[in-house]
Amino acid sequence: MLTHLDSQGRANMVDVTEKAVTSREATAEALVRMQPATLRMIADGAHPKGDVFAVARIAGIQAAKKTHELIPLCHPLLLTSIKVDLTPEGEDAVRIVARCRLAGQTGVEMEALTAASVAALTLYDMCKAVDRGMTVERVRLLEKSGGKSGHWEVEA
């Protein structure tokens, strides 16, 4: 059932007034592929714009906090924890993992997905002058917990 549609099929924000406040958490990832030389430059701290991972991490955190401004019908949430980790993967990729938590009446999946996506786009933006062929791949939810639907995890 699509919960963002009313009985006439019109889009609306889901009413969560009567939902229980529970601990909720979601983890999402994104993968950015690039030339090996680009990854070496980032990892060595030799990028002329500075610490690419630090800037992308901050961008992801800020994006999670603004998800309701970017995605129609998302509730504004009082997130209690946002973590964005960027890790080199192999010789030509960076894996971004974003985790969001709160005690609330609705889930944080969109916030985690937004954090991972914007961190990936920020990494692209900072490095596009040296590697325009980078790709952002595999943006997906890895895990969510809390609420009525409980725990869900992507299959390995």
Protein backbone atom coordinates (compact mmCIF):
# COMPACT_ATOMS: atom_id res chain seq x y z
CA MET A 1 0.00 0.00 0.00
CA LEU A 2 1.31 3.43 -0.94
CA THR A 3 0.91 5.46 2.25
CA HIS A 4 1.52 8.84 0.59
CA LEU A 5 -1.77 8.64 -1.35
CA ASP A 6 -5.18 9.44 0.11
CA SER A 7 -8.42 7.62 -0.73
CA GLN A 8 -8.79 9.68 -3.94
CA GLY A 9 -5.22 8.93 -5.06
CA ARG A 10 -3.90 12.39 -4.19
CA ALA A 11 -0.44 12.85 -2.67
CA ASN A 12 -0.41 13.77 1.00
CA MET A 13 1.92 13.70 3.98
CA VAL A 14 1.29 10.65 6.17
CA ASP A 15 -0.25 11.53 9.54
CA VAL A 16 2.04 10.06 12.22
CA THR A 17 0.29 11.70 15.17
CA GLU A 18 -0.91 8.42 16.68
CA LYS A 19 2.25 6.40 15.94
CA ALA A 20 4.37 5.38 18.91
CA VAL A 21 7.71 7.06 19.51
CA THR A 22 10.35 4.35 19.09
CA SER A 23 14.09 4.21 18.54
CA ARG A 24 14.69 4.18 14.80
CA GLU A 25 17.86 3.77 12.76
CA ALA A 26 18.71 3.45 9.08
CA THR A 27 21.96 2.78 7.21
CA ALA A 28 22.49 3.54 3.53
CA GLU A 29 25.45 3.42 1.17
CA ALA A 30 26.76 4.90 -2.06
CA LEU A 31 29.80 3.96 -4.11
CA VAL A 32 31.84 6.45 -6.14
CA ARG A 33 34.09 4.96 -8.82
CA MET A 34 37.05 6.93 -10.14
CA GLN A 35 40.46 6.61 -11.69
CA PRO A 36 43.04 5.05 -9.34
CA ALA A 37 45.13 8.24 -9.54
CA THR A 38 42.17 10.27 -8.26
CA LEU A 39 41.69 7.98 -5.28
CA ARG A 40 45.42 8.12 -4.50
CA MET A 41 45.31 11.92 -4.57
CA ILE A 42 42.37 11.98 -2.16
CA ALA A 43 43.87 9.36 0.18
CA ASP A 44 47.25 11.13 0.19
CA GLY A 45 45.63 14.46 1.09
CA ALA A 46 47.08 15.99 -2.07
CA HIS A 47 43.86 17.42 -3.52
CA PRO A 48 44.22 21.19 -4.09
CA LYS A 49 40.74 21.81 -2.58
CA GLY A 50 41.72 20.19 0.72
CA ASP A 51 40.35 17.23 2.67
CA VAL A 52 37.78 15.77 0.28
CA PHE A 53 36.49 13.21 2.79
CA ALA A 54 35.94 15.84 5.50
CA VAL A 55 33.97 18.11 3.18
CA ALA A 56 31.87 15.21 1.83
CA ARG A 57 31.19 14.00 5.39
CA ILE A 58 29.93 17.44 6.45
CA ALA A 59 27.82 17.73 3.29
CA GLY A 60 26.21 14.36 4.04
CA ILE A 61 25.43 15.36 7.62
CA GLN A 62 23.92 18.67 6.52
CA ALA A 63 21.88 16.95 3.80
CA ALA A 64 20.37 14.45 6.26
CA LYS A 65 19.18 17.37 8.39
CA LYS A 66 17.54 19.00 5.36
CA THR A 67 15.91 15.93 3.82
CA HIS A 68 12.41 17.24 4.48
CA GLU A 69 13.27 20.33 2.41
CA LEU A 70 14.45 18.21 -0.54
CA ILE A 71 12.03 15.26 -0.67
CA PRO A 72 8.34 16.16 -0.89
CA LEU A 73 6.15 14.71 1.86
CA CYS A 74 9.06 13.81 4.19
CA HIS A 75 8.53 14.84 7.79
CA PRO A 76 11.01 17.20 9.42
CA LEU A 77 12.85 15.05 11.96
CA LEU A 78 14.88 15.76 15.07
CA LEU A 79 17.81 13.46 14.27
CA THR A 80 19.86 12.50 17.30
CA SER A 81 22.80 10.97 15.44
CA ILE A 82 24.17 11.22 11.91
CA LYS A 83 27.35 9.42 10.94
CA VAL A 84 28.88 9.48 7.46
CA ASP A 85 31.94 7.32 6.81
CA LEU A 86 33.99 7.42 3.60
CA THR A 87 36.38 4.54 2.98
CA PRO A 88 38.56 3.72 -0.02
CA GLU A 89 37.44 0.44 -1.57
CA GLY A 90 39.94 -1.25 -3.83
CA GLU A 91 42.06 0.99 -6.00
CA ASP A 92 39.28 2.87 -7.77
CA ALA A 93 36.31 3.49 -5.46
CA VAL A 94 35.12 5.17 -2.29
CA ARG A 95 32.35 3.56 -0.25
CA ILE A 96 30.14 5.94 1.67
CA VAL A 97 28.04 4.63 4.56
CA ALA A 98 25.54 6.92 6.28
CA ARG A 99 23.71 6.07 9.53
CA CYS A 100 20.89 8.14 11.00
CA ARG A 101 19.14 7.67 14.34
CA LEU A 102 16.34 9.20 16.33
CA ALA A 103 13.56 8.50 18.78
CA GLY A 104 10.48 9.37 16.80
CA GLN A 105 7.25 8.48 15.05
CA THR A 106 8.61 7.88 11.55
CA GLY A 107 11.64 6.21 10.02
CA VAL A 108 14.94 7.73 8.90
CA GLU A 109 15.55 5.80 5.69
CA MET A 110 15.27 8.88 3.46
CA GLU A 111 17.67 10.80 5.68
CA ALA A 112 20.32 8.06 5.46
CA LEU A 113 19.86 7.75 1.68
CA THR A 114 20.08 11.53 1.27
CA ALA A 115 23.23 11.72 3.39
CA ALA A 116 24.98 9.01 1.35
CA SER A 117 23.86 10.55 -1.95
CA VAL A 118 24.92 14.10 -1.16
CA ALA A 119 28.26 12.96 0.25
CA ALA A 120 28.85 11.11 -3.04
CA LEU A 121 27.84 14.14 -5.11
CA THR A 122 30.13 16.36 -3.03
CA LEU A 123 33.04 14.00 -3.62
CA TYR A 124 32.26 14.16 -7.35
CA ASP A 125 32.02 17.95 -7.28
CA MET A 126 35.36 18.35 -5.52
CA CYS A 127 37.16 15.97 -7.90
CA LYS A 128 35.45 16.59 -11.25
CA ALA A 129 38.25 18.89 -12.47
CA VAL A 130 40.70 15.97 -12.36
CA ASP A 131 38.31 13.08 -13.17
CA ARG A 132 35.08 13.86 -15.02
CA GLY A 133 34.42 10.16 -15.63
CA MET A 134 33.61 9.34 -12.00
CA THR A 135 30.35 7.50 -11.42
CA VAL A 136 28.02 7.40 -8.43
CA GLU A 137 26.71 3.85 -8.05
CA ARG A 138 24.79 1.56 -5.72
CA VAL A 139 22.90 4.12 -3.69
CA ARG A 140 20.75 1.89 -1.52
CA LEU A 141 19.33 1.21 1.91
CA LEU A 142 21.36 -1.38 3.80
CA GLU A 143 19.39 -1.69 7.01
CA LYS A 144 16.59 -0.14 9.02
CA SER A 145 15.22 -0.82 12.47
CA GLY A 146 12.44 0.42 14.69
CA GLY A 147 8.82 1.25 14.21
CA LYS A 148 5.91 -1.05 13.46
CA SER A 149 7.67 -2.83 10.58
CA GLY A 150 10.68 -3.67 12.76
CA HIS A 151 14.07 -4.69 11.42
CA TRP A 152 14.99 -5.03 7.73
CA GLU A 153 18.38 -5.74 6.20
CA VAL A 154 19.49 -6.03 2.57
CA GLU A 155 20.26 -9.58 1.47
CA ALA A 156 23.97 -10.31 1.13
